[in-house]
N, C-alpha and C. Protein backbone atom coordinates (compact mmCIF):
# COMPACT_ATOMS: atom_id res chain seq x y z
N MET A 1 -8.02 13.25 9.70
CA MET A 1 -6.68 12.99 9.14
C MET A 1 -6.76 11.56 8.52
N PRO A 2 -6.46 11.52 7.24
CA PRO A 2 -6.52 10.28 6.53
C PRO A 2 -5.53 9.16 7.15
N LYS A 3 -6.07 7.94 7.27
CA LYS A 3 -5.26 6.86 7.74
C LYS A 3 -4.66 6.09 6.62
N VAL A 4 -3.43 5.79 6.65
CA VAL A 4 -2.69 5.05 5.54
C VAL A 4 -2.00 3.83 6.07
N SER A 5 -2.27 2.68 5.53
CA SER A 5 -1.62 1.45 6.01
C SER A 5 -0.43 1.18 5.01
N VAL A 6 0.70 0.98 5.58
CA VAL A 6 1.96 0.71 4.82
C VAL A 6 2.27 -0.69 5.15
N ILE A 7 2.15 -1.65 4.19
CA ILE A 7 2.41 -3.05 4.38
C ILE A 7 3.58 -3.50 3.57
N SER A 8 4.63 -4.01 4.29
CA SER A 8 5.75 -4.51 3.67
C SER A 8 6.71 -5.33 4.65
N ALA A 9 7.16 -6.44 4.16
CA ALA A 9 8.05 -7.18 5.10
C ALA A 9 9.39 -6.55 5.10
N ASP A 10 9.69 -5.71 4.07
CA ASP A 10 10.93 -4.99 4.01
C ASP A 10 10.81 -3.75 4.93
N TRP A 11 11.53 -3.77 6.07
CA TRP A 11 11.31 -2.75 7.07
C TRP A 11 11.79 -1.43 6.64
N THR A 12 12.81 -1.33 5.69
CA THR A 12 13.21 -0.07 5.22
C THR A 12 12.11 0.67 4.35
N LEU A 13 11.47 -0.14 3.51
CA LEU A 13 10.33 0.49 2.79
C LEU A 13 9.20 0.96 3.73
N ARG A 14 8.96 0.01 4.63
CA ARG A 14 7.80 0.38 5.60
C ARG A 14 7.98 1.49 6.53
N VAL A 15 9.25 1.55 7.08
CA VAL A 15 9.56 2.70 8.01
C VAL A 15 9.78 3.95 7.26
N THR A 16 10.49 3.94 6.17
CA THR A 16 10.66 5.22 5.48
C THR A 16 9.37 5.92 4.90
N VAL A 17 8.58 5.09 4.25
CA VAL A 17 7.28 5.57 3.74
C VAL A 17 6.41 6.03 4.86
N ARG A 18 6.27 5.28 5.98
CA ARG A 18 5.50 5.74 7.11
C ARG A 18 5.91 6.98 7.66
N ALA A 19 7.25 7.13 7.90
CA ALA A 19 7.81 8.36 8.40
C ALA A 19 7.46 9.52 7.58
N GLU A 20 7.61 9.45 6.21
CA GLU A 20 7.33 10.59 5.36
C GLU A 20 5.81 10.89 5.40
N LEU A 21 4.90 9.90 5.47
CA LEU A 21 3.52 10.12 5.57
C LEU A 21 3.17 10.83 6.82
N LEU A 22 3.81 10.45 7.93
CA LEU A 22 3.58 11.02 9.22
C LEU A 22 3.94 12.57 9.14
N HIS A 23 5.15 12.82 8.52
CA HIS A 23 5.60 14.09 8.33
C HIS A 23 4.61 14.93 7.54
N GLU A 24 3.99 14.31 6.60
CA GLU A 24 3.05 15.00 5.67
C GLU A 24 1.69 15.21 6.31
N GLY A 25 1.49 14.64 7.53
CA GLY A 25 0.24 14.92 8.29
C GLY A 25 -0.78 13.76 8.26
N PHE A 26 -0.35 12.59 7.71
CA PHE A 26 -1.23 11.44 7.65
C PHE A 26 -1.07 10.64 8.86
N ASP A 27 -2.11 9.91 9.23
CA ASP A 27 -1.99 8.90 10.30
C ASP A 27 -1.60 7.60 9.67
N ALA A 28 -0.29 7.31 9.72
CA ALA A 28 0.20 6.19 9.04
C ALA A 28 0.58 5.01 9.95
N LEU A 29 0.17 3.82 9.57
CA LEU A 29 0.43 2.65 10.38
C LEU A 29 1.22 1.67 9.55
N GLY A 30 2.42 1.17 10.06
CA GLY A 30 3.13 0.25 9.40
C GLY A 30 2.78 -1.21 9.82
N MET A 31 2.72 -2.15 8.87
CA MET A 31 2.43 -3.48 9.08
C MET A 31 3.31 -4.40 8.28
N ASP A 32 3.76 -5.53 8.79
CA ASP A 32 4.74 -6.25 8.09
C ASP A 32 4.12 -7.50 7.35
N SER A 33 2.80 -7.67 7.35
CA SER A 33 2.16 -8.81 6.71
C SER A 33 0.78 -8.41 6.24
N VAL A 34 0.26 -9.18 5.29
CA VAL A 34 -1.16 -9.02 4.87
C VAL A 34 -2.12 -9.50 6.05
N ALA A 35 -1.64 -10.48 6.74
CA ALA A 35 -2.36 -10.88 7.92
C ALA A 35 -2.79 -9.76 8.92
N ASP A 36 -1.62 -8.86 9.16
CA ASP A 36 -1.93 -7.71 10.02
C ASP A 36 -2.95 -6.81 9.42
N LEU A 37 -2.91 -6.60 8.16
CA LEU A 37 -3.91 -5.69 7.44
C LEU A 37 -5.28 -6.43 7.59
N ALA A 38 -5.40 -7.66 7.36
CA ALA A 38 -6.64 -8.33 7.40
C ALA A 38 -7.28 -8.26 8.81
N GLN A 39 -6.50 -8.44 9.85
CA GLN A 39 -6.87 -8.26 11.17
C GLN A 39 -7.41 -6.89 11.50
N ALA A 40 -6.69 -5.86 11.05
CA ALA A 40 -7.15 -4.52 11.25
C ALA A 40 -8.43 -4.15 10.64
N VAL A 41 -8.57 -4.70 9.39
CA VAL A 41 -9.87 -4.47 8.62
C VAL A 41 -10.98 -5.24 9.20
N THR A 42 -10.73 -6.40 9.75
CA THR A 42 -11.83 -7.15 10.43
C THR A 42 -12.16 -6.43 11.65
N GLN A 43 -11.41 -5.71 12.38
CA GLN A 43 -11.70 -5.09 13.55
C GLN A 43 -12.29 -3.71 13.27
N GLY A 44 -12.54 -3.35 11.97
CA GLY A 44 -13.16 -2.09 11.57
C GLY A 44 -12.21 -1.00 11.31
N ALA A 45 -10.87 -1.23 11.29
CA ALA A 45 -9.94 -0.10 11.01
C ALA A 45 -9.68 -0.09 9.44
N ILE A 46 -10.55 0.36 8.79
CA ILE A 46 -10.46 0.51 7.33
C ILE A 46 -9.67 1.76 7.00
N PRO A 47 -8.42 1.62 6.29
CA PRO A 47 -7.58 2.82 5.97
C PRO A 47 -8.19 3.58 4.82
N SER A 48 -7.70 4.81 4.81
CA SER A 48 -8.12 5.75 3.68
C SER A 48 -7.41 5.33 2.50
N ALA A 49 -6.18 4.83 2.66
CA ALA A 49 -5.38 4.37 1.44
C ALA A 49 -4.36 3.28 1.98
N ILE A 50 -3.85 2.51 1.04
CA ILE A 50 -2.94 1.46 1.31
C ILE A 50 -1.60 1.69 0.39
N VAL A 51 -0.46 1.43 0.93
CA VAL A 51 0.75 1.27 0.31
C VAL A 51 1.20 -0.17 0.46
N LEU A 52 1.26 -1.03 -0.54
CA LEU A 52 1.47 -2.43 -0.50
C LEU A 52 2.63 -2.86 -1.18
N ASP A 53 3.50 -3.63 -0.61
CA ASP A 53 4.66 -4.21 -1.23
C ASP A 53 4.15 -5.45 -2.05
N ALA A 54 4.38 -5.47 -3.38
CA ALA A 54 3.87 -6.44 -4.22
C ALA A 54 4.46 -7.87 -3.86
N ALA A 55 5.60 -7.94 -3.20
CA ALA A 55 6.14 -9.15 -2.79
C ALA A 55 5.25 -9.98 -1.72
N LEU A 56 4.27 -9.27 -1.16
CA LEU A 56 3.39 -9.89 -0.21
C LEU A 56 2.07 -10.41 -0.77
N VAL A 57 1.90 -10.24 -2.18
CA VAL A 57 0.76 -10.74 -2.86
C VAL A 57 1.01 -12.13 -3.25
N THR A 58 0.25 -13.09 -2.82
CA THR A 58 0.48 -14.46 -3.15
C THR A 58 -1.00 -14.87 -3.79
N PRO A 59 -0.91 -16.08 -4.42
CA PRO A 59 -2.23 -16.57 -4.83
C PRO A 59 -3.28 -16.66 -3.84
N GLU A 60 -3.00 -16.80 -2.58
CA GLU A 60 -3.94 -16.93 -1.49
C GLU A 60 -4.46 -15.49 -1.00
N THR A 61 -3.56 -14.56 -1.20
CA THR A 61 -4.01 -13.21 -0.71
C THR A 61 -4.47 -12.32 -1.84
N ALA A 62 -4.27 -12.65 -3.11
CA ALA A 62 -4.52 -11.88 -4.23
C ALA A 62 -6.08 -11.54 -4.33
N GLY A 63 -6.92 -12.47 -4.12
CA GLY A 63 -8.42 -12.17 -4.19
C GLY A 63 -8.87 -11.27 -3.13
N PRO A 64 -8.61 -11.46 -1.79
CA PRO A 64 -9.01 -10.49 -0.90
C PRO A 64 -8.45 -9.10 -0.99
N LEU A 65 -7.07 -9.10 -1.35
CA LEU A 65 -6.37 -7.81 -1.61
C LEU A 65 -7.08 -7.05 -2.81
N SER A 66 -7.38 -7.77 -3.76
CA SER A 66 -8.05 -7.15 -4.97
C SER A 66 -9.41 -6.53 -4.59
N GLY A 67 -10.15 -7.32 -3.76
CA GLY A 67 -11.42 -6.79 -3.27
C GLY A 67 -11.22 -5.45 -2.43
N LEU A 68 -10.28 -5.44 -1.59
CA LEU A 68 -10.02 -4.31 -0.78
C LEU A 68 -9.49 -3.10 -1.56
N ALA A 69 -8.64 -3.48 -2.64
CA ALA A 69 -8.17 -2.44 -3.44
C ALA A 69 -9.18 -1.78 -4.36
N ARG A 70 -10.19 -2.39 -4.61
CA ARG A 70 -11.38 -1.80 -5.35
C ARG A 70 -12.09 -0.78 -4.55
N ARG A 71 -12.01 -0.95 -3.08
CA ARG A 71 -12.67 0.02 -2.26
C ARG A 71 -11.80 1.01 -1.54
N VAL A 72 -10.59 0.78 -1.50
CA VAL A 72 -9.54 1.57 -0.83
C VAL A 72 -8.42 1.85 -1.79
N PRO A 73 -8.11 3.11 -2.14
CA PRO A 73 -7.05 3.46 -3.05
C PRO A 73 -5.66 2.80 -2.66
N THR A 74 -5.21 2.03 -3.50
CA THR A 74 -3.95 1.16 -3.14
C THR A 74 -2.80 1.44 -4.15
N VAL A 75 -1.71 1.78 -3.56
CA VAL A 75 -0.42 1.92 -4.28
C VAL A 75 0.46 0.70 -4.04
N VAL A 76 0.70 0.03 -5.17
CA VAL A 76 1.56 -1.17 -5.12
C VAL A 76 3.01 -0.84 -5.49
N VAL A 77 3.96 -1.17 -4.68
CA VAL A 77 5.33 -0.96 -5.03
C VAL A 77 5.96 -2.42 -5.42
N ALA A 78 6.40 -2.46 -6.59
CA ALA A 78 6.72 -3.78 -7.16
C ALA A 78 8.06 -3.57 -7.88
N SER A 79 8.69 -4.90 -8.08
CA SER A 79 9.98 -4.97 -8.92
C SER A 79 9.44 -5.02 -10.33
N ARG A 80 10.33 -4.72 -11.21
CA ARG A 80 9.96 -4.79 -12.68
C ARG A 80 9.52 -6.12 -12.99
N PRO A 81 8.27 -6.29 -13.54
CA PRO A 81 7.70 -7.59 -13.79
C PRO A 81 8.52 -8.35 -14.80
N GLU A 82 9.20 -7.74 -15.74
CA GLU A 82 9.98 -8.50 -16.73
C GLU A 82 11.26 -9.10 -16.02
N VAL A 83 11.69 -8.62 -14.83
CA VAL A 83 12.75 -9.10 -14.12
C VAL A 83 12.26 -10.14 -13.06
N ALA A 84 11.32 -9.84 -12.32
CA ALA A 84 10.90 -10.60 -11.13
C ALA A 84 9.61 -11.43 -11.43
N GLY A 85 8.84 -11.10 -12.49
CA GLY A 85 7.55 -11.87 -12.62
C GLY A 85 6.68 -11.77 -11.36
N GLU A 86 6.65 -10.68 -10.75
CA GLU A 86 6.00 -10.40 -9.48
C GLU A 86 4.45 -10.38 -9.71
N PRO A 87 3.78 -11.28 -9.13
CA PRO A 87 2.29 -11.27 -9.40
C PRO A 87 1.60 -10.05 -8.91
N GLY A 88 2.15 -9.53 -7.68
CA GLY A 88 1.49 -8.44 -7.15
C GLY A 88 1.45 -7.04 -8.00
N ALA A 89 2.28 -7.10 -8.93
CA ALA A 89 2.40 -5.88 -9.82
C ALA A 89 1.04 -5.76 -10.63
N HIS A 90 0.34 -6.72 -10.67
CA HIS A 90 -0.88 -6.82 -11.51
C HIS A 90 -2.06 -7.02 -10.63
N LEU A 91 -1.99 -6.56 -9.39
CA LEU A 91 -3.20 -6.62 -8.38
C LEU A 91 -4.38 -5.83 -8.98
N GLU A 92 -5.45 -6.65 -9.27
CA GLU A 92 -6.64 -6.11 -9.81
C GLU A 92 -7.18 -5.07 -8.81
N GLY A 93 -7.54 -3.91 -9.28
CA GLY A 93 -8.21 -2.85 -8.47
C GLY A 93 -7.19 -1.81 -7.93
N ALA A 94 -5.82 -2.12 -8.11
CA ALA A 94 -4.85 -1.17 -7.54
C ALA A 94 -4.96 0.16 -8.35
N ALA A 95 -4.89 1.20 -7.50
CA ALA A 95 -4.94 2.58 -8.24
C ALA A 95 -3.69 2.95 -8.86
N ALA A 96 -2.56 2.31 -8.39
CA ALA A 96 -1.29 2.69 -9.00
C ALA A 96 -0.22 1.63 -8.75
N VAL A 97 0.67 1.47 -9.68
CA VAL A 97 1.83 0.54 -9.43
C VAL A 97 3.05 1.35 -9.75
N LEU A 98 3.97 1.40 -8.72
CA LEU A 98 5.27 2.11 -8.90
C LEU A 98 6.39 1.03 -8.84
N TYR A 99 7.18 1.08 -9.79
CA TYR A 99 8.20 0.13 -9.91
C TYR A 99 9.59 0.53 -9.33
N ARG A 100 10.15 -0.36 -8.62
CA ARG A 100 11.53 -0.05 -8.06
C ARG A 100 12.60 0.05 -9.21
N PRO A 101 13.48 0.92 -8.97
CA PRO A 101 13.77 1.76 -7.84
C PRO A 101 12.81 2.96 -7.91
N VAL A 102 12.19 3.34 -6.76
CA VAL A 102 11.22 4.38 -6.58
C VAL A 102 11.60 5.16 -5.29
N ARG A 103 11.47 6.44 -5.41
CA ARG A 103 11.81 7.19 -4.21
C ARG A 103 10.67 7.28 -3.31
N VAL A 104 10.87 7.42 -2.01
CA VAL A 104 9.83 7.51 -1.01
C VAL A 104 8.96 8.79 -1.36
N GLY A 105 9.48 9.77 -1.71
CA GLY A 105 8.68 10.93 -2.09
C GLY A 105 7.76 10.66 -3.24
N GLU A 106 8.06 9.82 -4.14
CA GLU A 106 7.14 9.49 -5.29
C GLU A 106 6.03 8.68 -4.74
N ILE A 107 6.18 7.74 -3.83
CA ILE A 107 5.13 6.98 -3.22
C ILE A 107 4.18 7.86 -2.40
N VAL A 108 4.76 8.70 -1.58
CA VAL A 108 3.96 9.64 -0.72
C VAL A 108 3.11 10.61 -1.69
N SER A 109 3.74 11.07 -2.74
CA SER A 109 3.06 11.98 -3.71
C SER A 109 1.92 11.24 -4.29
N ARG A 110 2.12 10.04 -4.64
CA ARG A 110 0.94 9.34 -5.34
C ARG A 110 -0.23 9.05 -4.33
N VAL A 111 0.23 8.73 -3.03
CA VAL A 111 -0.89 8.66 -2.00
C VAL A 111 -1.66 9.91 -1.85
N LYS A 112 -0.96 11.08 -1.87
CA LYS A 112 -1.53 12.31 -1.65
C LYS A 112 -2.48 12.68 -2.88
N GLN A 113 -2.09 12.28 -4.03
CA GLN A 113 -2.97 12.48 -5.28
C GLN A 113 -4.18 11.73 -5.19
N LEU A 114 -4.04 10.46 -4.79
CA LEU A 114 -5.17 9.54 -4.68
C LEU A 114 -6.20 9.96 -3.61
N LEU A 115 -5.67 10.71 -2.52
CA LEU A 115 -6.49 11.07 -1.48
C LEU A 115 -7.11 12.59 -1.64
N ALA A 116 -6.51 13.14 -2.67
CA ALA A 116 -7.03 14.64 -2.87
C ALA A 116 -8.48 14.58 -3.23
N GLY A 117 -9.16 15.44 -2.46
CA GLY A 117 -10.57 15.47 -2.63
C GLY A 117 -11.42 14.53 -1.78
N HIS A 118 -10.74 13.54 -1.17
CA HIS A 118 -11.52 12.71 -0.31
C HIS A 118 -11.64 13.30 1.02
N VAL A 119 -12.65 13.01 1.77
CA VAL A 119 -12.96 13.55 3.13
C VAL A 119 -11.87 12.93 4.00
N ALA A 120 -11.17 13.70 4.87
CA ALA A 120 -10.15 13.21 5.70
C ALA A 120 -10.83 12.45 6.93
């Protein structure tokens, strides 16, 4: 069963995406910070995919997150860059960027597309 990490300080995004992923048969884990993800990865819990709120991407976290995104399919959920100037919307290595407003189903669908063909 593919493991998906959902990282967002916005509990509504985190909880709703996680719930839908669980419903679709994924092992989904919600985290509210990049530090939580870093700790999990350090302990060897590498997810099959990541859903990341772009608001958590800072100059300090951009490098490590980009490195991880190159190895693990990552879906970034961002505000429109022309409105927010959100740096996370341009995370290098991200497989997909979805802009708000976005439906939970769209996020889950993109995760499913990215993991299609990968060994569970």
